[in-house]
């Protein structure tokens, strides 16, 4: 996994949105080949995406069933190599983060679980 990976993640105001943002930003800080991309930036720009996605494999991280990330990237004709459903990952570990401002105990554990899951999935692309 030495290629550039752009994690484009949910930025919703739900507790899971916070978990997803924390996990992707931490992964980007800890790994030279991973960047965390802001979906809000892409939704606000007409007909294009940030150069941060250039030459990167794009992985979308959804926070809920609305899957705003994939919808926005599809509208921008961005090729996504993998979509990770954070809600299903967190539920599989019976975690229930419930604070959208600060990570509670379940939120902190959800970040750890999601980071491990994302890294495992990145090894398969």
N, C-alpha and C. Protein backbone atom coordinates (compact mmCIF):
# COMPACT_ATOMS: atom_id res chain seq x y z
N UNK A 1 0.85 -1.20 0.00
CA UNK A 1 0.00 0.00 0.00
C UNK A 1 0.88 1.24 0.00
N UNK A 2 1.64 1.43 -1.07
CA UNK A 2 2.50 2.60 -1.17
C UNK A 2 1.93 3.67 -2.08
N UNK A 3 0.86 3.34 -2.80
CA UNK A 3 0.25 4.32 -3.69
C UNK A 3 -0.53 5.34 -2.89
N UNK A 4 -0.71 6.51 -3.49
CA UNK A 4 -1.48 7.56 -2.82
C UNK A 4 -2.95 7.16 -2.73
N UNK A 5 -3.50 7.26 -1.53
CA UNK A 5 -4.90 6.95 -1.27
C UNK A 5 -5.57 8.21 -0.74
N UNK A 6 -6.70 8.56 -1.32
CA UNK A 6 -7.50 9.68 -0.80
C UNK A 6 -8.74 9.12 -0.14
N UNK A 7 -8.86 9.35 1.16
CA UNK A 7 -10.06 8.95 1.89
C UNK A 7 -11.02 10.12 1.88
N UNK A 8 -12.12 9.95 1.17
CA UNK A 8 -13.14 11.00 1.09
C UNK A 8 -14.28 10.54 1.99
N UNK A 9 -14.48 11.29 3.07
CA UNK A 9 -15.35 10.76 4.11
C UNK A 9 -16.54 11.66 4.41
N UNK A 10 -17.49 11.03 5.05
CA UNK A 10 -18.68 11.71 5.57
C UNK A 10 -18.23 12.87 6.44
N UNK A 11 -18.94 13.98 6.35
CA UNK A 11 -18.67 15.10 7.25
C UNK A 11 -19.96 15.54 7.93
N UNK A 12 -20.87 14.60 8.07
CA UNK A 12 -22.16 14.89 8.68
C UNK A 12 -22.04 15.26 10.14
N UNK A 13 -23.10 15.84 10.67
CA UNK A 13 -23.11 16.31 12.05
C UNK A 13 -23.62 15.28 13.03
N UNK A 14 -23.73 14.05 12.60
CA UNK A 14 -24.15 12.97 13.49
C UNK A 14 -22.94 12.48 14.28
N UNK A 15 -23.16 11.72 15.34
CA UNK A 15 -22.02 11.12 16.04
C UNK A 15 -21.14 10.28 15.11
N UNK A 16 -21.75 9.56 14.19
CA UNK A 16 -20.96 8.74 13.28
C UNK A 16 -20.15 9.60 12.31
N UNK A 17 -20.67 10.75 11.93
CA UNK A 17 -19.91 11.68 11.10
C UNK A 17 -18.63 12.10 11.80
N UNK A 18 -18.72 12.36 13.09
CA UNK A 18 -17.53 12.71 13.88
C UNK A 18 -16.55 11.53 13.92
N UNK A 19 -17.06 10.34 14.11
CA UNK A 19 -16.21 9.14 14.14
C UNK A 19 -15.48 8.98 12.82
N UNK A 20 -16.19 9.11 11.72
CA UNK A 20 -15.59 8.95 10.39
C UNK A 20 -14.53 10.01 10.15
N UNK A 21 -14.83 11.25 10.48
CA UNK A 21 -13.84 12.32 10.29
C UNK A 21 -12.59 12.06 11.13
N UNK A 22 -12.77 11.69 12.38
CA UNK A 22 -11.63 11.44 13.26
C UNK A 22 -10.78 10.29 12.72
N UNK A 23 -11.42 9.22 12.31
CA UNK A 23 -10.68 8.05 11.81
C UNK A 23 -9.89 8.39 10.55
N UNK A 24 -10.49 9.08 9.60
CA UNK A 24 -9.79 9.37 8.34
C UNK A 24 -8.67 10.38 8.55
N UNK A 25 -8.90 11.38 9.37
CA UNK A 25 -7.84 12.36 9.62
C UNK A 25 -6.67 11.71 10.36
N UNK A 26 -6.96 10.87 11.35
CA UNK A 26 -5.88 10.18 12.05
C UNK A 26 -5.09 9.28 11.10
N UNK A 27 -5.78 8.58 10.21
CA UNK A 27 -5.08 7.72 9.25
C UNK A 27 -4.18 8.56 8.34
N UNK A 28 -4.66 9.71 7.92
CA UNK A 28 -3.86 10.59 7.06
C UNK A 28 -2.64 11.13 7.81
N UNK A 29 -2.80 11.44 9.08
CA UNK A 29 -1.67 11.94 9.87
C UNK A 29 -0.62 10.85 10.11
N UNK A 30 -1.07 9.61 10.20
CA UNK A 30 -0.17 8.50 10.53
C UNK A 30 0.44 7.80 9.32
N UNK A 31 -0.03 8.10 8.12
CA UNK A 31 0.42 7.40 6.92
C UNK A 31 0.74 8.40 5.81
N UNK A 32 1.98 8.38 5.34
CA UNK A 32 2.42 9.35 4.33
C UNK A 32 1.67 9.24 3.02
N UNK A 33 1.17 8.06 2.69
CA UNK A 33 0.51 7.88 1.39
C UNK A 33 -1.00 8.09 1.45
N UNK A 34 -1.54 8.43 2.62
CA UNK A 34 -2.98 8.64 2.77
C UNK A 34 -3.26 10.13 3.00
N UNK A 35 -4.26 10.63 2.26
CA UNK A 35 -4.74 11.99 2.49
C UNK A 35 -6.22 11.92 2.84
N UNK A 36 -6.64 12.81 3.72
CA UNK A 36 -8.06 12.93 4.06
C UNK A 36 -8.62 14.07 3.23
N UNK A 37 -9.66 13.79 2.48
CA UNK A 37 -10.24 14.79 1.59
C UNK A 37 -11.58 15.26 2.13
N UNK A 38 -11.89 16.51 1.88
CA UNK A 38 -13.10 17.14 2.40
C UNK A 38 -14.23 17.07 1.37
N UNK A 39 -15.26 16.30 1.66
CA UNK A 39 -16.37 16.17 0.72
C UNK A 39 -17.12 17.48 0.54
N UNK A 40 -17.14 18.30 1.57
CA UNK A 40 -17.84 19.59 1.47
C UNK A 40 -17.20 20.47 0.41
N UNK A 41 -15.87 20.43 0.33
CA UNK A 41 -15.17 21.21 -0.70
C UNK A 41 -15.64 20.80 -2.09
N UNK A 42 -15.77 19.48 -2.30
CA UNK A 42 -16.15 19.00 -3.63
C UNK A 42 -17.59 19.34 -3.96
N UNK A 43 -18.45 19.30 -2.98
CA UNK A 43 -19.85 19.60 -3.26
C UNK A 43 -20.05 21.08 -3.57
N UNK A 44 -19.17 21.92 -3.06
CA UNK A 44 -19.31 23.36 -3.27
C UNK A 44 -18.72 23.83 -4.59
N UNK A 45 -17.83 23.05 -5.19
CA UNK A 45 -17.18 23.46 -6.43
C UNK A 45 -17.98 22.97 -7.63
N UNK A 46 -18.29 23.87 -8.53
CA UNK A 46 -19.03 23.44 -9.72
C UNK A 46 -18.14 22.63 -10.67
N UNK A 47 -18.62 21.44 -10.99
CA UNK A 47 -18.04 20.61 -12.05
C UNK A 47 -16.60 20.16 -11.88
N UNK A 48 -16.03 20.22 -10.69
CA UNK A 48 -14.67 19.71 -10.55
C UNK A 48 -14.39 19.30 -9.12
N UNK A 49 -13.23 18.73 -8.94
CA UNK A 49 -12.78 18.32 -7.61
C UNK A 49 -11.39 18.87 -7.37
N UNK A 50 -10.99 18.85 -6.15
CA UNK A 50 -9.69 19.36 -5.75
C UNK A 50 -8.57 18.54 -6.35
N UNK A 51 -7.44 19.19 -6.61
CA UNK A 51 -6.27 18.46 -7.13
C UNK A 51 -5.73 17.42 -6.14
N UNK A 52 -6.18 17.44 -4.90
CA UNK A 52 -5.72 16.45 -3.92
C UNK A 52 -6.09 15.03 -4.37
N UNK A 53 -7.11 14.92 -5.21
CA UNK A 53 -7.52 13.61 -5.70
C UNK A 53 -6.72 13.14 -6.90
N UNK A 54 -5.96 14.03 -7.51
CA UNK A 54 -5.17 13.66 -8.68
C UNK A 54 -4.18 12.56 -8.31
N UNK A 55 -4.08 11.57 -9.15
CA UNK A 55 -3.13 10.46 -8.98
C UNK A 55 -3.33 9.68 -7.69
N UNK A 56 -4.53 9.68 -7.16
CA UNK A 56 -4.82 8.94 -5.93
C UNK A 56 -5.92 7.93 -6.21
N UNK A 57 -5.84 6.82 -5.50
CA UNK A 57 -6.97 5.90 -5.48
C UNK A 57 -7.97 6.47 -4.49
N UNK A 58 -9.22 6.57 -4.93
CA UNK A 58 -10.25 7.22 -4.13
C UNK A 58 -11.05 6.16 -3.38
N UNK A 59 -11.14 6.34 -2.07
CA UNK A 59 -11.95 5.47 -1.21
C UNK A 59 -12.95 6.37 -0.50
N UNK A 60 -14.22 6.05 -0.67
CA UNK A 60 -15.26 6.82 0.02
C UNK A 60 -15.63 6.12 1.31
N UNK A 61 -15.86 6.91 2.34
CA UNK A 61 -16.25 6.38 3.65
C UNK A 61 -17.61 6.98 3.98
N UNK A 62 -18.64 6.16 3.96
CA UNK A 62 -19.99 6.67 4.21
C UNK A 62 -20.31 6.63 5.70
N UNK A 63 -21.14 7.56 6.13
CA UNK A 63 -21.53 7.61 7.53
C UNK A 63 -22.94 7.13 7.78
N UNK A 64 -23.76 7.11 6.74
CA UNK A 64 -25.14 6.65 6.91
C UNK A 64 -25.68 6.16 5.57
N UNK A 65 -26.90 5.73 5.58
CA UNK A 65 -27.49 5.17 4.37
C UNK A 65 -27.71 6.20 3.26
N UNK A 66 -27.67 7.49 3.59
CA UNK A 66 -27.81 8.51 2.54
C UNK A 66 -26.61 8.51 1.60
N UNK A 67 -25.44 8.09 2.09
CA UNK A 67 -24.22 7.95 1.29
C UNK A 67 -23.93 9.20 0.46
N UNK A 68 -23.96 10.35 1.11
CA UNK A 68 -23.71 11.62 0.44
C UNK A 68 -22.37 11.64 -0.30
N UNK A 69 -21.37 11.02 0.30
CA UNK A 69 -20.03 11.02 -0.29
C UNK A 69 -20.07 10.42 -1.70
N UNK A 70 -20.63 9.24 -1.82
CA UNK A 70 -20.67 8.58 -3.14
C UNK A 70 -21.52 9.36 -4.13
N UNK A 71 -22.62 9.92 -3.66
CA UNK A 71 -23.49 10.70 -4.54
C UNK A 71 -22.73 11.90 -5.10
N UNK A 72 -22.04 12.62 -4.23
CA UNK A 72 -21.30 13.81 -4.66
C UNK A 72 -20.17 13.43 -5.61
N UNK A 73 -19.42 12.39 -5.26
CA UNK A 73 -18.31 11.98 -6.14
C UNK A 73 -18.82 11.50 -7.49
N UNK A 74 -19.94 10.81 -7.51
CA UNK A 74 -20.52 10.36 -8.79
C UNK A 74 -20.91 11.57 -9.64
N UNK A 75 -21.51 12.58 -9.01
CA UNK A 75 -21.88 13.80 -9.73
C UNK A 75 -20.67 14.49 -10.34
N UNK A 76 -19.52 14.33 -9.72
CA UNK A 76 -18.28 14.95 -10.19
C UNK A 76 -17.48 14.01 -11.10
N UNK A 77 -18.05 12.85 -11.44
CA UNK A 77 -17.40 11.86 -12.29
C UNK A 77 -16.06 11.38 -11.73
N UNK A 78 -16.01 11.22 -10.41
CA UNK A 78 -14.81 10.72 -9.76
C UNK A 78 -14.92 9.20 -9.64
N UNK A 79 -13.87 8.51 -10.04
CA UNK A 79 -13.81 7.06 -9.94
C UNK A 79 -13.48 6.65 -8.51
N UNK A 80 -14.35 5.91 -7.90
CA UNK A 80 -14.14 5.42 -6.54
C UNK A 80 -13.76 3.95 -6.61
N UNK A 81 -12.61 3.59 -6.02
CA UNK A 81 -12.17 2.19 -6.09
C UNK A 81 -12.79 1.34 -4.99
N UNK A 82 -13.21 1.97 -3.92
CA UNK A 82 -13.82 1.22 -2.82
C UNK A 82 -14.71 2.16 -2.01
N UNK A 83 -15.82 1.61 -1.55
CA UNK A 83 -16.72 2.34 -0.66
C UNK A 83 -16.81 1.56 0.64
N UNK A 84 -16.56 2.25 1.75
CA UNK A 84 -16.62 1.61 3.06
C UNK A 84 -17.80 2.19 3.82
N UNK A 85 -18.66 1.32 4.29
CA UNK A 85 -19.86 1.71 5.03
C UNK A 85 -19.53 1.71 6.53
N UNK A 86 -19.20 2.87 7.06
CA UNK A 86 -18.78 2.98 8.46
C UNK A 86 -19.88 2.56 9.42
N UNK A 87 -21.12 2.83 9.07
CA UNK A 87 -22.22 2.48 9.96
C UNK A 87 -22.27 0.97 10.21
N UNK A 88 -22.12 0.18 9.15
CA UNK A 88 -22.14 -1.27 9.30
C UNK A 88 -20.93 -1.78 10.09
N UNK A 89 -19.78 -1.15 9.89
CA UNK A 89 -18.58 -1.55 10.62
C UNK A 89 -18.78 -1.31 12.11
N UNK A 90 -19.26 -0.15 12.47
CA UNK A 90 -19.45 0.21 13.88
C UNK A 90 -20.52 -0.67 14.52
N UNK A 91 -21.62 -0.90 13.80
CA UNK A 91 -22.69 -1.74 14.33
C UNK A 91 -22.23 -3.18 14.54
N UNK A 92 -21.36 -3.67 13.67
CA UNK A 92 -20.86 -5.04 13.79
C UNK A 92 -20.11 -5.25 15.11
N UNK A 93 -19.58 -4.17 15.66
CA UNK A 93 -18.86 -4.25 16.93
C UNK A 93 -19.73 -3.79 18.10
N UNK A 94 -21.03 -3.65 17.83
CA UNK A 94 -21.99 -3.27 18.85
C UNK A 94 -21.62 -1.97 19.56
N UNK A 95 -21.13 -1.01 18.78
CA UNK A 95 -20.76 0.30 19.31
C UNK A 95 -21.85 1.30 18.95
N UNK A 96 -22.07 2.25 19.83
CA UNK A 96 -23.11 3.24 19.61
C UNK A 96 -22.64 4.63 20.05
N UNK A 97 -21.78 5.25 19.23
CA UNK A 97 -21.37 6.60 19.58
C UNK A 97 -22.60 7.50 19.61
N UNK A 98 -22.68 8.38 20.59
CA UNK A 98 -23.91 9.19 20.69
C UNK A 98 -23.66 10.66 20.97
N UNK A 99 -22.48 11.15 20.64
CA UNK A 99 -22.20 12.57 20.82
C UNK A 99 -21.60 13.10 19.53
N UNK A 100 -22.21 14.10 18.95
CA UNK A 100 -21.71 14.63 17.68
C UNK A 100 -20.69 15.75 17.86
N UNK A 101 -20.40 16.10 19.11
CA UNK A 101 -19.45 17.18 19.39
C UNK A 101 -18.11 16.64 19.89
N UNK A 102 -18.18 15.66 20.78
CA UNK A 102 -16.98 15.06 21.35
C UNK A 102 -17.13 13.54 21.33
N UNK A 103 -16.01 12.87 21.15
CA UNK A 103 -16.05 11.41 21.14
C UNK A 103 -16.26 10.88 22.55
N UNK A 104 -17.33 10.11 22.72
CA UNK A 104 -17.55 9.42 23.99
C UNK A 104 -16.77 8.11 23.95
N UNK A 105 -16.92 7.26 24.96
CA UNK A 105 -16.17 6.01 24.99
C UNK A 105 -16.45 5.14 23.77
N UNK A 106 -17.71 4.99 23.40
CA UNK A 106 -18.05 4.21 22.21
C UNK A 106 -17.49 4.88 20.96
N UNK A 107 -17.49 6.20 20.95
CA UNK A 107 -16.95 6.93 19.81
C UNK A 107 -15.46 6.70 19.63
N UNK A 108 -14.72 6.75 20.74
CA UNK A 108 -13.27 6.49 20.68
C UNK A 108 -12.99 5.07 20.20
N UNK A 109 -13.75 4.11 20.72
CA UNK A 109 -13.57 2.72 20.29
C UNK A 109 -13.97 2.57 18.83
N UNK A 110 -15.02 3.25 18.41
CA UNK A 110 -15.46 3.19 17.01
C UNK A 110 -14.38 3.73 16.08
N UNK A 111 -13.69 4.78 16.48
CA UNK A 111 -12.58 5.32 15.68
C UNK A 111 -11.50 4.26 15.53
N UNK A 112 -11.11 3.61 16.62
CA UNK A 112 -10.08 2.57 16.56
C UNK A 112 -10.51 1.42 15.64
N UNK A 113 -11.73 0.96 15.82
CA UNK A 113 -12.25 -0.15 15.01
C UNK A 113 -12.29 0.24 13.53
N UNK A 114 -12.79 1.43 13.25
CA UNK A 114 -12.92 1.88 11.86
C UNK A 114 -11.55 2.05 11.21
N UNK A 115 -10.59 2.59 11.93
CA UNK A 115 -9.24 2.73 11.38
C UNK A 115 -8.66 1.37 11.01
N UNK A 116 -8.78 0.40 11.90
CA UNK A 116 -8.27 -0.95 11.60
C UNK A 116 -8.97 -1.52 10.36
N UNK A 117 -10.28 -1.34 10.30
CA UNK A 117 -11.04 -1.86 9.17
C UNK A 117 -10.60 -1.19 7.86
N UNK A 118 -10.48 0.13 7.89
CA UNK A 118 -10.08 0.85 6.67
C UNK A 118 -8.70 0.38 6.20
N UNK A 119 -7.75 0.28 7.12
CA UNK A 119 -6.41 -0.17 6.73
C UNK A 119 -6.44 -1.57 6.12
N UNK A 120 -7.25 -2.45 6.69
CA UNK A 120 -7.38 -3.80 6.13
C UNK A 120 -7.96 -3.74 4.72
N UNK A 121 -8.96 -2.90 4.53
CA UNK A 121 -9.58 -2.77 3.20
C UNK A 121 -8.61 -2.15 2.19
N UNK A 122 -7.77 -1.23 2.63
CA UNK A 122 -6.83 -0.59 1.73
C UNK A 122 -5.80 -1.59 1.22
N UNK A 123 -5.49 -2.59 2.01
CA UNK A 123 -4.54 -3.63 1.57
C UNK A 123 -5.08 -4.43 0.39
N UNK A 124 -6.40 -4.42 0.20
CA UNK A 124 -6.98 -5.22 -0.89
C UNK A 124 -7.20 -4.42 -2.17
N UNK A 125 -6.79 -3.18 -2.20
CA UNK A 125 -6.97 -2.41 -3.45
C UNK A 125 -5.65 -2.22 -4.17
